[in-house]
Amino acid sequence: RTFVFATFFSLVAKEFGYSSFGVLSGLILFVAGAACLLQYPVREYGVPNENFDLINTTQLGVVAIVGIAFSIYITIHLRDSTPAAVKRKKVELEKKEKEKKKGGYGSMGDLKRQKKAVPSSKRKS
């Protein structure tokens, strides 16, 4: 259980950064808590004669499939992943470079009229 929470919180922080960490963690934990509330109706209506074999086997299968699929996804996805802070810094640098090329704040940049080249036959001598 500790391993699951540590992995969850570190993955959210690495992939999405700390600016959205609280919102995402809260949302994911809310969904997990709502799913856990389903155990009461399942216990009441889905388990005939207090025999938990079917529900335990179903739960084991679902957890195994989701766990293996998620592990494969994480292994593939995080192999070449860069942290959110590095991505954000790269985007900011690219934005600054683009602004430098345009001429800075308030300039016309690419919107300036280009002077048309006058053909040599129409030039005044």
Foldseek 3Di string as FASTA:
>chain_A
DVVVVVVVLVVLCFAPNPVCSVVVVVVVVVVVVVVVVVVVVCVVPVDPPVDCPVVVVVVVVVCVVVVVVVVVVCVVVVPPDGGPVVVVVVVVVVVVVVCVQQPHPPDCRPVDDDDDDDDPVPDDD
